[in-house]
């Protein structure tokens, strides 16, 4: 970057709030709500849907679209994708993976009205799905929570699991 916005390196010794094991559930719930607001108003949901359209056009209408959403948070992307698929008259099945127990419960609570979504507990670095078991693999606003080596492992895993393509939506770490 430049001297005005210095890069901020990942430091596993200084985890973000949602990466700690002893979060205050009220604060974490608010933080997840903030992420939903950011995704809705600053284009995260729109960007993922836009790229999803291009990928699902490659999938036969006779088949349900199989999506893996890594680090789903409170499941805002899966819910958005189900709504989009319904509007396109497409069948979709989404496996949403989350590691944090409290966040997992929020994702399950929020996605309860969407039978197309299954929320599973899982650590991104220890998943064990068969190769090419999903059409599309999505990871939004999570890769920056990992070291460079682990981020590369996650990206390789996403390639391994996808038949059609993958979508990564993330941010550049900097002090601002």
N, C-alpha and C. Protein backbone atom coordinates (compact mmCIF):
# COMPACT_ATOMS: atom_id res chain seq x y z
N UNK A 1 0.86 -1.17 0.00
CA UNK A 1 0.00 0.00 0.00
C UNK A 1 0.90 1.23 0.00
N UNK A 2 0.43 2.31 0.55
CA UNK A 2 1.29 3.49 0.61
C UNK A 2 1.48 3.94 2.05
N UNK A 3 2.26 5.00 2.23
CA UNK A 3 2.57 5.44 3.60
C UNK A 3 1.36 5.99 4.33
N UNK A 4 0.31 6.40 3.62
CA UNK A 4 -0.89 6.93 4.27
C UNK A 4 -1.76 5.84 4.87
N UNK A 5 -1.74 4.68 4.24
CA UNK A 5 -2.53 3.56 4.74
C UNK A 5 -1.61 2.35 4.85
N UNK A 6 -0.88 2.26 5.96
CA UNK A 6 0.05 1.13 6.10
C UNK A 6 -0.71 -0.19 6.24
N UNK A 7 -0.12 -1.24 5.69
CA UNK A 7 -0.75 -2.54 5.79
C UNK A 7 -0.75 -3.02 7.24
N UNK A 8 -1.77 -3.76 7.59
CA UNK A 8 -1.87 -4.33 8.93
C UNK A 8 -1.74 -5.82 8.79
N UNK A 9 -0.76 -6.40 9.39
CA UNK A 9 -0.50 -7.83 9.25
C UNK A 9 -1.36 -8.62 10.23
N UNK A 10 -1.71 -9.82 9.80
CA UNK A 10 -2.44 -10.74 10.67
C UNK A 10 -1.54 -11.15 11.83
N UNK A 11 -2.09 -11.15 13.03
CA UNK A 11 -1.34 -11.58 14.20
C UNK A 11 -2.23 -12.52 15.00
N UNK A 12 -1.93 -13.82 14.99
CA UNK A 12 -2.77 -14.78 15.71
C UNK A 12 -2.78 -14.55 17.22
N UNK A 13 -1.80 -13.80 17.72
CA UNK A 13 -1.76 -13.50 19.16
C UNK A 13 -2.71 -12.38 19.55
N UNK A 14 -3.23 -11.67 18.54
CA UNK A 14 -4.18 -10.58 18.79
C UNK A 14 -5.44 -10.86 17.95
N UNK A 15 -6.26 -11.81 18.39
CA UNK A 15 -7.44 -12.15 17.59
C UNK A 15 -8.51 -11.06 17.62
N UNK A 16 -9.31 -11.03 16.56
CA UNK A 16 -10.45 -10.14 16.54
C UNK A 16 -11.50 -10.70 17.49
N UNK A 17 -12.44 -9.87 17.88
CA UNK A 17 -13.47 -10.26 18.84
C UNK A 17 -14.12 -11.58 18.47
N UNK A 18 -14.54 -11.71 17.23
CA UNK A 18 -15.29 -12.92 16.87
C UNK A 18 -14.42 -14.16 16.78
N UNK A 19 -13.11 -13.99 16.86
CA UNK A 19 -12.20 -15.14 16.82
C UNK A 19 -11.83 -15.65 18.21
N UNK A 20 -12.26 -14.97 19.25
CA UNK A 20 -11.93 -15.41 20.60
C UNK A 20 -12.98 -16.40 21.09
N UNK A 21 -12.61 -17.18 22.07
CA UNK A 21 -13.53 -18.21 22.58
C UNK A 21 -14.41 -17.71 23.71
N UNK A 22 -14.10 -16.57 24.27
CA UNK A 22 -14.86 -16.10 25.43
C UNK A 22 -15.54 -14.76 25.15
N UNK A 23 -16.20 -14.66 23.98
CA UNK A 23 -16.86 -13.41 23.64
C UNK A 23 -18.09 -13.18 24.51
N UNK A 24 -18.40 -11.94 24.69
CA UNK A 24 -19.66 -11.55 25.31
C UNK A 24 -20.72 -11.76 24.22
N UNK A 25 -21.71 -12.62 24.49
CA UNK A 25 -22.68 -12.98 23.46
C UNK A 25 -23.48 -11.78 22.95
N UNK A 26 -23.75 -10.82 23.82
CA UNK A 26 -24.49 -9.64 23.39
C UNK A 26 -23.66 -8.81 22.40
N UNK A 27 -22.38 -8.64 22.72
CA UNK A 27 -21.50 -7.87 21.84
C UNK A 27 -21.28 -8.61 20.52
N UNK A 28 -21.10 -9.94 20.57
CA UNK A 28 -20.92 -10.71 19.35
C UNK A 28 -22.17 -10.63 18.48
N UNK A 29 -23.34 -10.71 19.08
CA UNK A 29 -24.59 -10.60 18.32
C UNK A 29 -24.65 -9.23 17.62
N UNK A 30 -24.26 -8.17 18.33
CA UNK A 30 -24.24 -6.83 17.73
C UNK A 30 -23.22 -6.76 16.60
N UNK A 31 -22.06 -7.37 16.81
CA UNK A 31 -21.01 -7.37 15.80
C UNK A 31 -21.48 -8.09 14.53
N UNK A 32 -22.15 -9.20 14.69
CA UNK A 32 -22.69 -9.92 13.53
C UNK A 32 -23.77 -9.09 12.83
N UNK A 33 -24.56 -8.37 13.61
CA UNK A 33 -25.55 -7.46 13.03
C UNK A 33 -24.86 -6.36 12.22
N UNK A 34 -23.74 -5.86 12.74
CA UNK A 34 -22.96 -4.85 12.01
C UNK A 34 -22.46 -5.41 10.68
N UNK A 35 -22.00 -6.67 10.69
CA UNK A 35 -21.54 -7.29 9.45
C UNK A 35 -22.68 -7.43 8.43
N UNK A 36 -23.86 -7.79 8.92
CA UNK A 36 -25.02 -7.88 8.00
C UNK A 36 -25.32 -6.52 7.39
N UNK A 37 -25.24 -5.46 8.20
CA UNK A 37 -25.48 -4.11 7.70
C UNK A 37 -24.42 -3.72 6.67
N UNK A 38 -23.17 -4.02 6.96
CA UNK A 38 -22.09 -3.72 6.02
C UNK A 38 -22.30 -4.47 4.71
N UNK A 39 -22.63 -5.75 4.80
CA UNK A 39 -22.87 -6.54 3.58
C UNK A 39 -24.04 -5.99 2.77
N UNK A 40 -25.08 -5.57 3.46
CA UNK A 40 -26.28 -5.06 2.77
C UNK A 40 -26.03 -3.69 2.15
N UNK A 41 -25.45 -2.77 2.89
CA UNK A 41 -25.34 -1.39 2.43
C UNK A 41 -24.06 -1.06 1.68
N UNK A 42 -23.02 -1.84 1.87
CA UNK A 42 -21.76 -1.53 1.20
C UNK A 42 -21.41 -2.53 0.10
N UNK A 43 -22.38 -3.33 -0.32
CA UNK A 43 -22.23 -4.11 -1.54
C UNK A 43 -21.75 -5.54 -1.42
N UNK A 44 -21.50 -6.04 -0.23
CA UNK A 44 -21.03 -7.42 -0.09
C UNK A 44 -22.02 -8.44 -0.63
N UNK A 45 -23.28 -8.30 -0.26
CA UNK A 45 -24.31 -9.23 -0.76
C UNK A 45 -24.49 -9.08 -2.27
N UNK A 46 -24.52 -7.86 -2.72
CA UNK A 46 -24.72 -7.58 -4.15
C UNK A 46 -23.57 -8.14 -4.98
N UNK A 47 -22.35 -7.97 -4.53
CA UNK A 47 -21.18 -8.47 -5.26
C UNK A 47 -21.22 -9.99 -5.36
N UNK A 48 -21.54 -10.66 -4.28
CA UNK A 48 -21.59 -12.12 -4.30
C UNK A 48 -22.71 -12.59 -5.23
N UNK A 49 -23.89 -11.97 -5.14
CA UNK A 49 -25.01 -12.37 -6.02
C UNK A 49 -24.64 -12.16 -7.49
N UNK A 50 -23.99 -11.03 -7.79
CA UNK A 50 -23.60 -10.73 -9.18
C UNK A 50 -22.71 -11.83 -9.73
N UNK A 51 -21.72 -12.23 -8.99
CA UNK A 51 -20.80 -13.27 -9.46
C UNK A 51 -21.43 -14.65 -9.41
N UNK A 52 -22.37 -14.84 -8.50
CA UNK A 52 -23.08 -16.11 -8.42
C UNK A 52 -23.90 -16.34 -9.69
N UNK A 53 -24.52 -15.28 -10.21
CA UNK A 53 -25.33 -15.39 -11.44
C UNK A 53 -24.50 -15.99 -12.57
N UNK A 54 -23.29 -15.48 -12.76
CA UNK A 54 -22.42 -16.00 -13.82
C UNK A 54 -22.09 -17.46 -13.62
N UNK A 55 -21.88 -17.86 -12.38
CA UNK A 55 -21.53 -19.26 -12.11
C UNK A 55 -22.73 -20.19 -12.25
N UNK A 56 -23.89 -19.78 -11.74
CA UNK A 56 -25.04 -20.69 -11.81
C UNK A 56 -25.56 -20.84 -13.23
N UNK A 57 -25.22 -19.90 -14.12
CA UNK A 57 -25.65 -20.05 -15.51
C UNK A 57 -24.97 -21.25 -16.16
N UNK A 58 -23.90 -21.75 -15.55
CA UNK A 58 -23.17 -22.91 -16.07
C UNK A 58 -23.72 -24.23 -15.52
N UNK A 59 -24.73 -24.14 -14.66
CA UNK A 59 -25.27 -25.34 -14.00
C UNK A 59 -26.62 -25.66 -14.62
N UNK A 60 -26.80 -26.90 -15.00
CA UNK A 60 -28.04 -27.36 -15.63
C UNK A 60 -29.23 -27.05 -14.72
N UNK A 61 -30.30 -26.50 -15.31
CA UNK A 61 -31.51 -26.17 -14.54
C UNK A 61 -32.13 -27.39 -13.87
N UNK A 62 -31.87 -28.57 -14.40
CA UNK A 62 -32.45 -29.78 -13.83
C UNK A 62 -31.82 -30.16 -12.49
N UNK A 63 -30.68 -29.57 -12.19
CA UNK A 63 -29.96 -29.90 -10.96
C UNK A 63 -30.04 -28.75 -9.96
N UNK A 64 -30.14 -29.10 -8.69
CA UNK A 64 -30.08 -28.09 -7.64
C UNK A 64 -28.64 -27.57 -7.55
N UNK A 65 -28.50 -26.29 -7.37
CA UNK A 65 -27.19 -25.66 -7.22
C UNK A 65 -26.67 -26.02 -5.82
N UNK A 66 -25.49 -26.59 -5.76
CA UNK A 66 -24.89 -26.99 -4.48
C UNK A 66 -23.83 -25.96 -4.10
N UNK A 67 -24.04 -25.29 -2.96
CA UNK A 67 -23.12 -24.22 -2.52
C UNK A 67 -22.56 -24.56 -1.14
N UNK A 68 -21.28 -24.31 -0.97
CA UNK A 68 -20.64 -24.41 0.34
C UNK A 68 -20.25 -22.99 0.74
N UNK A 69 -20.76 -22.52 1.87
CA UNK A 69 -20.43 -21.19 2.38
C UNK A 69 -19.54 -21.36 3.60
N UNK A 70 -18.29 -20.95 3.48
CA UNK A 70 -17.32 -21.10 4.56
C UNK A 70 -17.36 -19.90 5.50
N UNK A 71 -17.30 -20.16 6.79
CA UNK A 71 -17.35 -19.10 7.82
C UNK A 71 -18.58 -18.24 7.61
N UNK A 72 -19.73 -18.87 7.64
CA UNK A 72 -21.00 -18.24 7.27
C UNK A 72 -21.41 -17.08 8.16
N UNK A 73 -20.85 -16.99 9.36
CA UNK A 73 -21.29 -15.92 10.27
C UNK A 73 -22.75 -16.12 10.61
N UNK A 74 -23.56 -15.09 10.44
CA UNK A 74 -24.98 -15.21 10.78
C UNK A 74 -25.84 -15.58 9.57
N UNK A 75 -25.20 -16.17 8.56
CA UNK A 75 -25.89 -16.75 7.39
C UNK A 75 -26.55 -15.72 6.48
N UNK A 76 -26.04 -14.49 6.44
CA UNK A 76 -26.67 -13.51 5.56
C UNK A 76 -26.48 -13.85 4.08
N UNK A 77 -25.32 -14.37 3.70
CA UNK A 77 -25.13 -14.75 2.30
C UNK A 77 -26.01 -15.94 1.91
N UNK A 78 -26.04 -17.02 2.69
CA UNK A 78 -26.94 -18.11 2.30
C UNK A 78 -28.41 -17.67 2.16
N UNK A 79 -28.88 -16.85 3.07
CA UNK A 79 -30.26 -16.38 2.99
C UNK A 79 -30.46 -15.55 1.72
N UNK A 80 -29.53 -14.68 1.42
CA UNK A 80 -29.61 -13.86 0.21
C UNK A 80 -29.59 -14.74 -1.04
N UNK A 81 -28.75 -15.77 -1.04
CA UNK A 81 -28.65 -16.64 -2.21
C UNK A 81 -29.90 -17.50 -2.40
N UNK A 82 -30.49 -17.94 -1.32
CA UNK A 82 -31.76 -18.69 -1.43
C UNK A 82 -32.83 -17.79 -2.03
N UNK A 83 -32.93 -16.57 -1.54
CA UNK A 83 -33.93 -15.63 -2.09
C UNK A 83 -33.69 -15.39 -3.58
N UNK A 84 -32.42 -15.23 -3.96
CA UNK A 84 -32.09 -15.02 -5.37
C UNK A 84 -32.47 -16.26 -6.19
N UNK A 85 -32.10 -17.44 -5.72
CA UNK A 85 -32.42 -18.67 -6.45
C UNK A 85 -33.92 -18.84 -6.60
N UNK A 86 -34.67 -18.56 -5.55
CA UNK A 86 -36.13 -18.64 -5.63
C UNK A 86 -36.67 -17.69 -6.69
N UNK A 87 -36.13 -16.47 -6.75
CA UNK A 87 -36.61 -15.49 -7.73
C UNK A 87 -36.27 -15.93 -9.16
N UNK A 88 -35.23 -16.74 -9.32
CA UNK A 88 -34.84 -17.25 -10.63
C UNK A 88 -35.46 -18.62 -10.93
N UNK A 89 -36.28 -19.08 -9.98
CA UNK A 89 -36.93 -20.40 -10.11
C UNK A 89 -35.88 -21.51 -10.23
N UNK A 90 -34.82 -21.40 -9.41
CA UNK A 90 -33.76 -22.40 -9.38
C UNK A 90 -33.74 -23.07 -8.02
N UNK A 91 -33.46 -24.36 -8.03
CA UNK A 91 -33.29 -25.09 -6.78
C UNK A 91 -31.86 -24.88 -6.29
N UNK A 92 -31.72 -24.72 -4.99
CA UNK A 92 -30.40 -24.50 -4.40
C UNK A 92 -30.32 -25.22 -3.06
N UNK A 93 -29.15 -25.74 -2.76
CA UNK A 93 -28.86 -26.36 -1.47
C UNK A 93 -27.56 -25.75 -0.97
N UNK A 94 -27.60 -25.18 0.22
CA UNK A 94 -26.42 -24.50 0.75
C UNK A 94 -25.99 -25.16 2.05
N UNK A 95 -24.73 -25.53 2.11
CA UNK A 95 -24.11 -26.00 3.34
C UNK A 95 -23.31 -24.83 3.88
N UNK A 96 -23.73 -24.31 5.01
CA UNK A 96 -23.09 -23.15 5.63
C UNK A 96 -22.27 -23.64 6.83
N UNK A 97 -20.99 -23.36 6.80
CA UNK A 97 -20.08 -23.86 7.84
C UNK A 97 -19.65 -22.71 8.74
N UNK A 98 -19.68 -22.97 10.04
CA UNK A 98 -19.25 -21.97 11.03
C UNK A 98 -18.58 -22.70 12.18
N UNK A 99 -17.52 -22.14 12.71
CA UNK A 99 -16.77 -22.76 13.81
C UNK A 99 -17.27 -22.35 15.19
N UNK A 100 -17.57 -21.09 15.37
CA UNK A 100 -17.92 -20.55 16.67
C UNK A 100 -19.32 -21.01 17.10
N UNK A 101 -19.43 -21.58 18.29
CA UNK A 101 -20.70 -22.14 18.77
C UNK A 101 -21.82 -21.10 18.85
N UNK A 102 -21.52 -19.93 19.37
CA UNK A 102 -22.57 -18.92 19.50
C UNK A 102 -23.00 -18.41 18.13
N UNK A 103 -22.03 -18.15 17.26
CA UNK A 103 -22.35 -17.71 15.91
C UNK A 103 -23.12 -18.78 15.17
N UNK A 104 -22.75 -20.03 15.39
CA UNK A 104 -23.46 -21.17 14.79
C UNK A 104 -24.94 -21.15 15.18
N UNK A 105 -25.21 -20.88 16.45
CA UNK A 105 -26.61 -20.85 16.90
C UNK A 105 -27.36 -19.68 16.26
N UNK A 106 -26.70 -18.55 16.06
CA UNK A 106 -27.35 -17.41 15.40
C UNK A 106 -27.64 -17.75 13.93
N UNK A 107 -26.67 -18.37 13.26
CA UNK A 107 -26.87 -18.77 11.86
C UNK A 107 -28.04 -19.74 11.74
N UNK A 108 -28.12 -20.70 12.65
CA UNK A 108 -29.24 -21.67 12.61
C UNK A 108 -30.57 -20.97 12.89
N UNK A 109 -30.57 -20.07 13.84
CA UNK A 109 -31.78 -19.30 14.18
C UNK A 109 -32.26 -18.48 12.98
N UNK A 110 -31.34 -17.76 12.34
CA UNK A 110 -31.70 -16.88 11.23
C UNK A 110 -32.09 -17.65 9.97
N UNK A 111 -31.54 -18.84 9.77
CA UNK A 111 -31.83 -19.60 8.55
C UNK A 111 -32.91 -20.66 8.74
N UNK A 112 -33.54 -20.69 9.89
CA UNK A 112 -34.53 -21.73 10.20
C UNK A 112 -35.69 -21.79 9.20
N UNK A 113 -36.05 -20.66 8.62
CA UNK A 113 -37.17 -20.62 7.67
C UNK A 113 -36.75 -20.98 6.25
N UNK A 114 -35.51 -21.38 6.08
CA UNK A 114 -34.98 -21.69 4.75
C UNK A 114 -34.50 -23.14 4.73
N UNK A 115 -35.35 -24.06 4.33
CA UNK A 115 -34.95 -25.48 4.33
C UNK A 115 -33.81 -25.78 3.35
N UNK A 116 -33.53 -24.86 2.47
CA UNK A 116 -32.43 -25.05 1.52
C UNK A 116 -31.06 -24.90 2.19
N UNK A 117 -31.04 -24.38 3.42
CA UNK A 117 -29.78 -24.11 4.11
C UNK A 117 -29.59 -25.10 5.26
N UNK A 118 -28.41 -25.74 5.27
CA UNK A 118 -28.01 -26.59 6.39
C UNK A 118 -26.77 -25.95 6.99
N UNK A 119 -26.83 -25.66 8.29
CA UNK A 119 -25.70 -25.03 8.97
C UNK A 119 -24.96 -26.11 9.75
N UNK A 120 -23.66 -26.23 9.45
CA UNK A 120 -22.83 -27.25 10.08
C UNK A 120 -21.69 -26.61 10.86
N UNK A 121 -21.30 -27.27 11.93
CA UNK A 121 -20.12 -26.83 12.67
C UNK A 121 -18.88 -27.33 11.96
N UNK A 122 -17.89 -26.46 11.83
CA UNK A 122 -16.66 -26.90 11.20
C UNK A 122 -15.57 -25.85 11.24
N UNK A 123 -14.35 -26.32 11.33
CA UNK A 123 -13.16 -25.47 11.30
C UNK A 123 -12.66 -25.46 9.86
N UNK A 124 -12.51 -24.29 9.27
CA UNK A 124 -12.11 -24.19 7.87
C UNK A 124 -10.82 -24.93 7.54
N UNK A 125 -9.95 -25.07 8.50
CA UNK A 125 -8.68 -25.74 8.25
C UNK A 125 -8.76 -27.25 8.44
N UNK A 126 -9.94 -27.75 8.82
CA UNK A 126 -10.08 -29.19 9.09
C UNK A 126 -11.30 -29.80 8.40
N UNK A 127 -11.82 -29.16 7.38
CA UNK A 127 -12.99 -29.70 6.69
C UNK A 127 -12.58 -30.93 5.89
N UNK A 128 -13.57 -31.82 5.67
CA UNK A 128 -13.25 -33.06 4.97
C UNK A 128 -14.40 -33.47 4.05
N UNK A 129 -14.70 -32.64 3.08
CA UNK A 129 -15.70 -32.99 2.08
C UNK A 129 -15.00 -33.67 0.92
N UNK A 130 -15.71 -34.51 0.19
CA UNK A 130 -15.09 -35.13 -0.99
C UNK A 130 -14.75 -34.07 -2.05
N UNK A 131 -13.72 -34.32 -2.84
CA UNK A 131 -13.40 -33.38 -3.92
C UNK A 131 -14.59 -33.19 -4.85
N UNK A 132 -14.72 -31.96 -5.35
CA UNK A 132 -15.77 -31.60 -6.32
C UNK A 132 -17.17 -31.91 -5.80
N UNK A 133 -17.41 -31.75 -4.51
CA UNK A 133 -18.72 -32.07 -3.93
C UNK A 133 -19.69 -30.90 -3.94
N UNK A 134 -19.24 -29.71 -4.36
CA UNK A 134 -20.11 -28.55 -4.45
C UNK A 134 -19.90 -27.87 -5.80
N UNK A 135 -20.96 -27.26 -6.30
CA UNK A 135 -20.81 -26.49 -7.53
C UNK A 135 -19.98 -25.24 -7.28
N UNK A 136 -20.36 -24.52 -6.22
CA UNK A 136 -19.76 -23.23 -5.93
C UNK A 136 -19.35 -23.19 -4.46
N UNK A 137 -18.15 -22.68 -4.19
CA UNK A 137 -17.69 -22.51 -2.82
C UNK A 137 -17.49 -21.01 -2.59
N UNK A 138 -18.06 -20.53 -1.49
CA UNK A 138 -18.06 -19.11 -1.14
C UNK A 138 -17.35 -18.90 0.19
N UNK A 139 -16.55 -17.84 0.25
CA UNK A 139 -15.95 -17.44 1.52
C UNK A 139 -15.95 -15.91 1.55
N UNK A 140 -16.73 -15.33 2.44
CA UNK A 140 -16.88 -13.89 2.49
C UNK A 140 -16.44 -13.34 3.84
N UNK A 141 -15.56 -12.36 3.78
CA UNK A 141 -15.06 -11.64 4.96
C UNK A 141 -14.50 -12.56 6.05
N UNK A 142 -13.75 -13.58 5.62
CA UNK A 142 -13.16 -14.48 6.60
C UNK A 142 -11.68 -14.73 6.38
N UNK A 143 -11.22 -14.73 5.16
CA UNK A 143 -9.82 -15.08 4.88
C UNK A 143 -8.84 -14.18 5.63
N UNK A 144 -9.21 -12.92 5.83
CA UNK A 144 -8.29 -12.00 6.53
C UNK A 144 -8.11 -12.35 8.01
N UNK A 145 -8.89 -13.30 8.50
CA UNK A 145 -8.74 -13.76 9.88
C UNK A 145 -7.66 -14.84 10.01
N UNK A 146 -7.02 -15.18 8.89
CA UNK A 146 -6.06 -16.28 8.88
C UNK A 146 -4.68 -15.79 8.45
N UNK A 147 -3.67 -16.55 8.85
CA UNK A 147 -2.31 -16.26 8.39
C UNK A 147 -2.26 -16.49 6.88
N UNK A 148 -1.21 -15.99 6.25
CA UNK A 148 -1.06 -16.18 4.80
C UNK A 148 -1.02 -17.66 4.44
N UNK A 149 -0.28 -18.45 5.19
CA UNK A 149 -0.20 -19.90 4.90
C UNK A 149 -1.56 -20.56 5.02
N UNK A 150 -2.31 -20.22 6.05
CA UNK A 150 -3.64 -20.82 6.23
C UNK A 150 -4.62 -20.32 5.17
N UNK A 151 -4.49 -19.05 4.78
CA UNK A 151 -5.35 -18.52 3.72
C UNK A 151 -5.11 -19.28 2.41
N UNK A 152 -3.86 -19.58 2.12
CA UNK A 152 -3.54 -20.35 0.91
C UNK A 152 -4.15 -21.74 1.00
N UNK A 153 -4.07 -22.37 2.17
CA UNK A 153 -4.68 -23.70 2.36
C UNK A 153 -6.19 -23.63 2.10
N UNK A 154 -6.83 -22.60 2.62
CA UNK A 154 -8.28 -22.45 2.44
C UNK A 154 -8.62 -22.26 0.96
N UNK A 155 -7.86 -21.43 0.27
CA UNK A 155 -8.12 -21.21 -1.16
C UNK A 155 -7.92 -22.50 -1.96
N UNK A 156 -6.89 -23.27 -1.65
CA UNK A 156 -6.67 -24.55 -2.34
C UNK A 156 -7.83 -25.51 -2.06
N UNK A 157 -8.30 -25.53 -0.83
CA UNK A 157 -9.42 -26.38 -0.46
C UNK A 157 -10.67 -25.97 -1.23
N UNK A 158 -10.89 -24.66 -1.37
CA UNK A 158 -12.05 -24.17 -2.11
C UNK A 158 -12.01 -24.65 -3.56
N UNK A 159 -10.83 -24.61 -4.16
CA UNK A 159 -10.67 -25.10 -5.53
C UNK A 159 -10.96 -26.59 -5.59
N UNK A 160 -10.44 -27.33 -4.61
CA UNK A 160 -10.65 -28.78 -4.57
C UNK A 160 -12.12 -29.15 -4.45
N UNK A 161 -12.88 -28.42 -3.65
CA UNK A 161 -14.28 -28.77 -3.39
C UNK A 161 -15.24 -28.32 -4.49
N UNK A 162 -14.83 -27.37 -5.35
CA UNK A 162 -15.79 -26.81 -6.30
C UNK A 162 -15.71 -27.47 -7.68
N UNK A 163 -16.89 -27.65 -8.27
CA UNK A 163 -17.00 -28.17 -9.63
C UNK A 163 -17.05 -27.04 -10.66
N UNK A 164 -17.67 -25.92 -10.28
CA UNK A 164 -17.92 -24.84 -11.24
C UNK A 164 -17.04 -23.62 -10.95
N UNK A 165 -16.96 -23.19 -9.71
CA UNK A 165 -16.17 -22.02 -9.39
C UNK A 165 -16.24 -21.64 -7.93
N UNK A 166 -15.54 -20.58 -7.59
CA UNK A 166 -15.55 -20.12 -6.20
C UNK A 166 -15.62 -18.60 -6.19
N UNK A 167 -16.09 -18.10 -5.05
CA UNK A 167 -16.19 -16.65 -4.84
C UNK A 167 -15.52 -16.33 -3.50
N UNK A 168 -14.58 -15.41 -3.54
CA UNK A 168 -13.95 -14.91 -2.32
C UNK A 168 -14.21 -13.42 -2.28
N UNK A 169 -14.82 -12.98 -1.20
CA UNK A 169 -15.08 -11.56 -0.97
C UNK A 169 -14.41 -11.22 0.35
N UNK A 170 -13.41 -10.37 0.30
CA UNK A 170 -12.70 -10.08 1.54
C UNK A 170 -12.21 -8.65 1.53
N UNK A 171 -11.40 -8.30 2.50
CA UNK A 171 -10.90 -6.95 2.62
C UNK A 171 -9.40 -6.95 2.75
N UNK A 172 -8.84 -5.79 2.54
CA UNK A 172 -7.42 -5.60 2.69
C UNK A 172 -7.18 -5.04 4.09
N UNK A 173 -6.38 -5.72 4.87
CA UNK A 173 -6.11 -5.25 6.23
C UNK A 173 -5.25 -4.00 6.21
N UNK A 174 -5.73 -2.96 6.87
CA UNK A 174 -4.94 -1.74 7.04
C UNK A 174 -5.41 -1.09 8.34
N UNK A 175 -4.68 -0.15 8.84
CA UNK A 175 -5.05 0.46 10.12
C UNK A 175 -6.38 1.20 10.08
N UNK A 176 -6.74 1.87 9.00
CA UNK A 176 -8.07 2.54 9.00
C UNK A 176 -9.18 1.53 9.09
